[in-house]
C-alpha atoms as a PDB file:
ATOM      1  CA  UNK A   1     152.374 153.419  71.427  1.00  0.00           C
ATOM      2  CA  UNK A   2     155.142 151.672  69.464  1.00  0.00           C
ATOM      3  CA  UNK A   3     157.426 151.803  72.479  1.00  0.00           C
ATOM      4  CA  UNK A   4     154.747 150.418  74.783  1.00  0.00           C
ATOM      5  CA  UNK A   5     154.076 147.490  72.439  1.00  0.00           C
ATOM      6  CA  UNK A   6     157.758 146.743  71.852  1.00  0.00           C
ATOM      7  CA  UNK A   7     157.560 147.602  68.140  1.00  0.00           C
ATOM      8  CA  UNK A   8     159.574 150.850  68.168  1.00  0.00           C
ATOM      9  CA  UNK A   9     162.761 149.298  66.807  1.00  0.00           C
ATOM     10  CA  UNK A  10     161.001 147.014  64.297  1.00  0.00           C
ATOM     11  CA  UNK A  11     158.577 149.396  62.590  1.00  0.00           C
ATOM     12  CA  UNK A  12     158.833 151.623  59.530  1.00  0.00           C
ATOM     13  CA  UNK A  13     157.340 154.995  60.433  1.00  0.00           C
ATOM     14  CA  UNK A  14     156.529 157.543  57.726  1.00  0.00           C
ATOM     15  CA  UNK A  15     155.519 161.173  58.076  1.00  0.00           C
ATOM     16  CA  UNK A  16     154.240 162.941  54.976  1.00  0.00           C
ATOM     17  CA  UNK A  17     151.621 165.375  53.753  1.00  0.00           C
ATOM     18  CA  UNK A  18     149.411 165.630  50.692  1.00  0.00           C
ATOM     19  CA  UNK A  19     150.321 169.261  49.910  1.00  0.00           C
ATOM     20  CA  UNK A  20     151.913 172.390  51.256  1.00  0.00           C
ATOM     21  CA  UNK A  21     150.606 175.937  51.422  1.00  0.00           C
ATOM     22  CA  UNK A  22     151.967 179.087  49.836  1.00  0.00           C
ATOM     23  CA  UNK A  23     151.309 181.209  52.977  1.00  0.00           C
ATOM     24  CA  UNK A  24     151.983 184.469  51.105  1.00  0.00           C
ATOM     25  CA  UNK A  25     154.820 183.223  48.910  1.00  0.00           C
ATOM     26  CA  UNK A  26     154.470 184.507  45.329  1.00  0.00           C
ATOM     27  CA  UNK A  27     151.700 186.759  46.682  1.00  0.00           C
ATOM     28  CA  UNK A  28     149.374 183.777  47.117  1.00  0.00           C
ATOM     29  CA  UNK A  29     147.719 182.203  50.132  1.00  0.00           C
ATOM     30  CA  UNK A  30     146.512 178.710  49.366  1.00  0.00           C
ATOM     31  CA  UNK A  31     147.508 175.381  47.954  1.00  0.00           C
ATOM     32  CA  UNK A  32     147.159 174.550  44.301  1.00  0.00           C
ATOM     33  CA  UNK A  33     149.626 176.505  42.178  1.00  0.00           C
ATOM     34  CA  UNK A  34     152.766 174.745  41.000  1.00  0.00           C
ATOM     35  CA  UNK A  35     155.252 176.491  43.285  1.00  0.00           C
ATOM     36  CA  UNK A  36     157.450 174.384  45.568  1.00  0.00           C
ATOM     37  CA  UNK A  37     155.824 175.739  48.710  1.00  0.00           C
ATOM     38  CA  UNK A  38     152.611 174.074  47.588  1.00  0.00           C
ATOM     39  CA  UNK A  39     153.732 170.893  45.820  1.00  0.00           C
ATOM     40  CA  UNK A  40     156.923 169.791  47.587  1.00  0.00           C
ATOM     41  CA  UNK A  41     156.001 167.901  50.714  1.00  0.00           C
ATOM     42  CA  UNK A  42     157.893 166.253  53.550  1.00  0.00           C
ATOM     43  CA  UNK A  43     158.467 162.534  53.307  1.00  0.00           C
ATOM     44  CA  UNK A  44     160.271 161.429  56.442  1.00  0.00           C
ATOM     45  CA  UNK A  45     161.056 157.798  57.184  1.00  0.00           C
ATOM     46  CA  UNK A  46     162.355 156.103  60.332  1.00  0.00           C
ATOM     47  CA  UNK A  47     163.237 152.425  60.270  1.00  0.00           C
ATOM     48  CA  UNK A  48     165.794 151.420  62.915  1.00  0.00           C
ATOM     49  CA  UNK A  49     168.352 148.887  61.771  1.00  0.00           C
ATOM     50  CA  UNK A  50     167.453 149.392  58.101  1.00  0.00           C
ATOM     51  CA  UNK A  51     167.692 153.119  57.339  1.00  0.00           C
ATOM     52  CA  UNK A  52     170.384 155.449  58.611  1.00  0.00           C
ATOM     53  CA  UNK A  53     169.504 159.121  59.101  1.00  0.00           C
ATOM     54  CA  UNK A  54     170.260 161.041  55.916  1.00  0.00           C
ATOM     55  CA  UNK A  55     168.729 163.330  53.309  1.00  0.00           C
ATOM     56  CA  UNK A  56     167.744 162.234  49.809  1.00  0.00           C
ATOM     57  CA  UNK A  57     167.101 164.464  46.802  1.00  0.00           C
ATOM     58  CA  UNK A  58     165.433 162.147  44.260  1.00  0.00           C
ATOM     59  CA  UNK A  59     161.962 163.116  43.077  1.00  0.00           C
ATOM     60  CA  UNK A  60     159.098 160.969  44.374  1.00  0.00           C
ATOM     61  CA  UNK A  61     155.656 161.159  42.756  1.00  0.00           C
ATOM     62  CA  UNK A  62     152.515 160.123  44.626  1.00  0.00           C
ATOM     63  CA  UNK A  63     151.993 156.980  42.448  1.00  0.00           C
ATOM     64  CA  UNK A  64     155.555 155.891  43.352  1.00  0.00           C
ATOM     65  CA  UNK A  65     154.777 155.623  47.068  1.00  0.00           C
ATOM     66  CA  UNK A  66     152.918 152.297  47.000  1.00  0.00           C
ATOM     67  CA  UNK A  67     155.340 150.272  44.831  1.00  0.00           C
ATOM     68  CA  UNK A  68     158.286 151.773  46.717  1.00  0.00           C
ATOM     69  CA  UNK A  69     156.895 150.818  50.129  1.00  0.00           C
ATOM     70  CA  UNK A  70     155.828 147.376  48.904  1.00  0.00           C
ATOM     71  CA  UNK A  71     159.376 146.683  47.737  1.00  0.00           C
ATOM     72  CA  UNK A  72     160.902 148.070  50.932  1.00  0.00           C
ATOM     73  CA  UNK A  73     158.970 145.553  53.007  1.00  0.00           C
ATOM     74  CA  UNK A  74     159.559 142.641  50.620  1.00  0.00           C
ATOM     75  CA  UNK A  75     156.199 142.513  48.859  1.00  0.00           C
ATOM     76  CA  UNK A  76     157.294 143.905  45.500  1.00  0.00           C
ATOM     77  CA  UNK A  77     157.105 140.624  43.622  1.00  0.00           C
ATOM     78  CA  UNK A  78     153.381 140.431  44.455  1.00  0.00           C
ATOM     79  CA  UNK A  79     152.507 143.671  42.664  1.00  0.00           C
ATOM     80  CA  UNK A  80     150.542 143.443  39.415  1.00  0.00           C
ATOM     81  CA  UNK A  81     152.172 144.713  36.221  1.00  0.00           C
ATOM     82  CA  UNK A  82     149.374 147.251  35.855  1.00  0.00           C
ATOM     83  CA  UNK A  83     150.384 149.204  38.956  1.00  0.00           C
ATOM     84  CA  UNK A  84     151.027 152.876  38.297  1.00  0.00           C
ATOM     85  CA  UNK A  85     154.224 154.356  39.677  1.00  0.00           C
ATOM     86  CA  UNK A  86     157.822 153.243  40.011  1.00  0.00           C
ATOM     87  CA  UNK A  87     159.675 151.386  42.729  1.00  0.00           C
ATOM     88  CA  UNK A  88     162.241 153.888  44.026  1.00  0.00           C
ATOM     89  CA  UNK A  89     163.305 151.850  47.068  1.00  0.00           C
ATOM     90  CA  UNK A  90     166.874 151.572  45.779  1.00  0.00           C
ATOM     91  CA  UNK A  91     167.304 155.327  46.302  1.00  0.00           C
ATOM     92  CA  UNK A  92     166.132 154.973  49.886  1.00  0.00           C
ATOM     93  CA  UNK A  93     168.249 151.931  50.727  1.00  0.00           C
ATOM     94  CA  UNK A  94     171.426 153.004  48.905  1.00  0.00           C
ATOM     95  CA  UNK A  95     172.358 156.661  49.091  1.00  0.00           C
ATOM     96  CA  UNK A  96     174.927 156.268  46.303  1.00  0.00           C
ATOM     97  CA  UNK A  97     172.147 155.116  43.924  1.00  0.00           C
ATOM     98  CA  UNK A  98     171.041 158.757  43.639  1.00  0.00           C
ATOM     99  CA  UNK A  99     174.289 159.526  41.853  1.00  0.00           C
ATOM    100  CA  UNK A 100     173.090 157.399  38.921  1.00  0.00           C
ATOM    101  CA  UNK A 101     169.974 159.533  38.304  1.00  0.00           C
ATOM    102  CA  UNK A 102     170.051 161.639  35.172  1.00  0.00           C
ATOM    103  CA  UNK A 103     168.049 164.833  35.529  1.00  0.00           C
ATOM    104  CA  UNK A 104     165.489 163.384  33.109  1.00  0.00           C
ATOM    105  CA  UNK A 105     165.217 159.825  34.384  1.00  0.00           C
ATOM    106  CA  UNK A 106     161.617 158.725  34.732  1.00  0.00           C
ATOM    107  CA  UNK A 107     162.549 156.981  37.979  1.00  0.00           C
ATOM    108  CA  UNK A 108     163.699 159.512  40.545  1.00  0.00           C
ATOM    109  CA  UNK A 109     164.608 162.280  38.106  1.00  0.00           C
ATOM    110  CA  UNK A 110     161.229 163.675  37.063  1.00  0.00           C
ATOM    111  CA  UNK A 111     158.156 164.790  38.976  1.00  0.00           C
ATOM    112  CA  UNK A 112     154.781 165.781  37.592  1.00  0.00           C
ATOM    113  CA  UNK A 113     152.130 168.336  38.534  1.00  0.00           C
ATOM    114  CA  UNK A 114     148.387 168.361  37.845  1.00  0.00           C
ATOM    115  CA  UNK A 115     145.880 171.021  38.849  1.00  0.00           C
ATOM    116  CA  UNK A 116     142.488 170.487  37.251  1.00  0.00           C
ATOM    117  CA  UNK A 117     140.996 173.708  38.656  1.00  0.00           C
ATOM    118  CA  UNK A 118     143.772 175.796  37.093  1.00  0.00           C
ATOM    119  CA  UNK A 119     143.745 173.540  34.000  1.00  0.00           C
ATOM    120  CA  UNK A 120     147.506 173.147  34.319  1.00  0.00           C
ATOM    121  CA  UNK A 121     150.081 170.372  34.086  1.00  0.00           C
ATOM    122  CA  UNK A 122     153.790 170.395  34.752  1.00  0.00           C
ATOM    123  CA  UNK A 123     156.978 168.377  34.715  1.00  0.00           C
ATOM    124  CA  UNK A 124     160.151 169.076  36.662  1.00  0.00           C
ATOM    125  CA  UNK A 125     163.633 167.778  37.062  1.00  0.00           C
ATOM    126  CA  UNK A 126     166.331 169.125  39.336  1.00  0.00           C
ATOM    127  CA  UNK A 127     167.287 171.500  36.491  1.00  0.00           C
ATOM    128  CA  UNK A 128     164.035 172.783  34.931  1.00  0.00           C
ATOM    129  CA  UNK A 129     160.343 173.052  35.750  1.00  0.00           C
ATOM    130  CA  UNK A 130     157.850 173.442  32.907  1.00  0.00           C
ATOM    131  CA  UNK A 131     154.255 174.422  33.650  1.00  0.00           C
ATOM    132  CA  UNK A 132     151.618 174.301  30.910  1.00  0.00           C
ATOM    133  CA  UNK A 133     148.366 176.209  31.383  1.00  0.00           C
ATOM    134  CA  UNK A 134     145.407 175.848  29.005  1.00  0.00           C
ATOM    135  CA  UNK A 135     142.656 178.364  28.459  1.00  0.00           C
ATOM    136  CA  UNK A 136     139.042 177.662  27.434  1.00  0.00           C
ATOM    137  CA  UNK A 137     140.132 177.466  23.762  1.00  0.00           C
ATOM    138  CA  UNK A 138     142.826 174.827  24.447  1.00  0.00           C
ATOM    139  CA  UNK A 139     145.563 177.390  23.803  1.00  0.00           C
ATOM    140  CA  UNK A 140     148.631 176.609  25.866  1.00  0.00           C
ATOM    141  CA  UNK A 141     150.816 179.006  27.797  1.00  0.00           C
ATOM    142  CA  UNK A 142     154.260 177.782  28.852  1.00  0.00           C
ATOM    143  CA  UNK A 143     156.123 178.829  31.978  1.00  0.00           C
ATOM    144  CA  UNK A 144     159.668 177.535  32.414  1.00  0.00           C
ATOM    145  CA  UNK A 145     161.893 177.943  35.450  1.00  0.00           C
ATOM    146  CA  UNK A 146     165.619 177.269  35.584  1.00  0.00           C
ATOM    147  CA  UNK A 147     165.761 175.782  39.082  1.00  0.00           C
ATOM    148  CA  UNK A 148     169.551 175.954  39.332  1.00  0.00           C
ATOM    149  CA  UNK A 149     169.635 179.685  38.557  1.00  0.00           C
ATOM    150  CA  UNK A 150     166.261 180.581  40.075  1.00  0.00           C
ATOM    151  CA  UNK A 151     165.260 178.103  42.825  1.00  0.00           C
ATOM    152  CA  UNK A 152     162.521 180.479  44.077  1.00  0.00           C
ATOM    153  CA  UNK A 153     160.822 180.270  40.658  1.00  0.00           C
ATOM    154  CA  UNK A 154     160.537 184.007  40.098  1.00  0.00           C
ATOM    155  CA  UNK A 155     161.612 184.341  36.445  1.00  0.00           C
ATOM    156  CA  UNK A 156     159.921 182.652  33.471  1.00  0.00           C
ATOM    157  CA  UNK A 157     162.652 181.730  30.945  1.00  0.00           C
ATOM    158  CA  UNK A 158     160.383 179.973  28.421  1.00  0.00           C
ATOM    159  CA  UNK A 159     161.021 182.579  25.699  1.00  0.00           C
ATOM    160  CA  UNK A 160     164.794 182.274  26.181  1.00  0.00           C
ATOM    161  CA  UNK A 161     164.869 178.458  26.063  1.00  0.00           C
ATOM    162  CA  UNK A 162     162.296 177.251  23.491  1.00  0.00           C
ATOM    163  CA  UNK A 163     164.241 174.005  22.929  1.00  0.00           C
ATOM    164  CA  UNK A 164     163.878 173.140  26.626  1.00  0.00           C
ATOM    165  CA  UNK A 165     160.165 173.948  26.473  1.00  0.00           C
ATOM    166  CA  UNK A 166     159.753 171.565  23.503  1.00  0.00           C
ATOM    167  CA  UNK A 167     161.781 168.835  25.204  1.00  0.00           C
ATOM    168  CA  UNK A 168     159.887 169.056  28.487  1.00  0.00           C
ATOM    169  CA  UNK A 169     156.523 169.371  26.732  1.00  0.00           C
ATOM    170  CA  UNK A 170     157.408 166.035  25.087  1.00  0.00           C
ATOM    171  CA  UNK A 171     158.245 164.484  28.478  1.00  0.00           C
ATOM    172  CA  UNK A 172     154.931 165.744  29.820  1.00  0.00           C
ATOM    173  CA  UNK A 173     153.065 164.390  26.781  1.00  0.00           C
ATOM    174  CA  UNK A 174     154.597 160.922  27.278  1.00  0.00           C
ATOM    175  CA  UNK A 175     153.576 160.903  30.920  1.00  0.00           C
ATOM    176  CA  UNK A 176     150.020 162.056  30.117  1.00  0.00           C
ATOM    177  CA  UNK A 177     149.707 159.248  27.546  1.00  0.00           C
ATOM    178  CA  UNK A 178     150.789 156.642  30.110  1.00  0.00           C
ATOM    179  CA  UNK A 179     148.292 158.047  32.612  1.00  0.00           C
ATOM    180  CA  UNK A 180     145.527 158.427  30.019  1.00  0.00           C
ATOM    181  CA  UNK A 181     145.143 162.075  31.027  1.00  0.00           C
ATOM    182  CA  UNK A 182     141.909 163.663  29.809  1.00  0.00           C
ATOM    183  CA  UNK A 183     143.938 166.584  28.396  1.00  0.00           C
ATOM    184  CA  UNK A 184     144.758 164.316  25.467  1.00  0.00           C
ATOM    185  CA  UNK A 185     141.112 163.776  24.495  1.00  0.00           C
END
């Protein structure tokens, strides 16, 4: 259709998904749990003359999509201050910008997970992934993965790294406050 209308070389095309599926990974068959097979999704962009084919590794959260796209197409200055999410267009337009991301930067360095049915929240960087589950008595269970040592997320290292659990629980708390998450009530 774009080719027929003459818009093929002047259109930003995006392919993405809202979730993955575990398909037997971790012994589970469904979406929902925090594992990469379920929460990491494709986000492919084609924009001739603007973007060159390449791979990016920054972390994009769903609320970041709108402000990022608005800035990519030149509408960023029209966004209200109350918009949730961050403009990450600089990481798309300038590959070297990714080198400036600290593993805990709010913009491009952290991603968050919510599953209301499992009563779980999580925060991840390229280094660690903390998942917090709550039971009916508001008792929390922590699961921590070292993504550099264990990218398949098979071994919980929360007992070995309590300082990382505390640090990431704080990052998660800050994010939940900004989002007015009902967990904080």
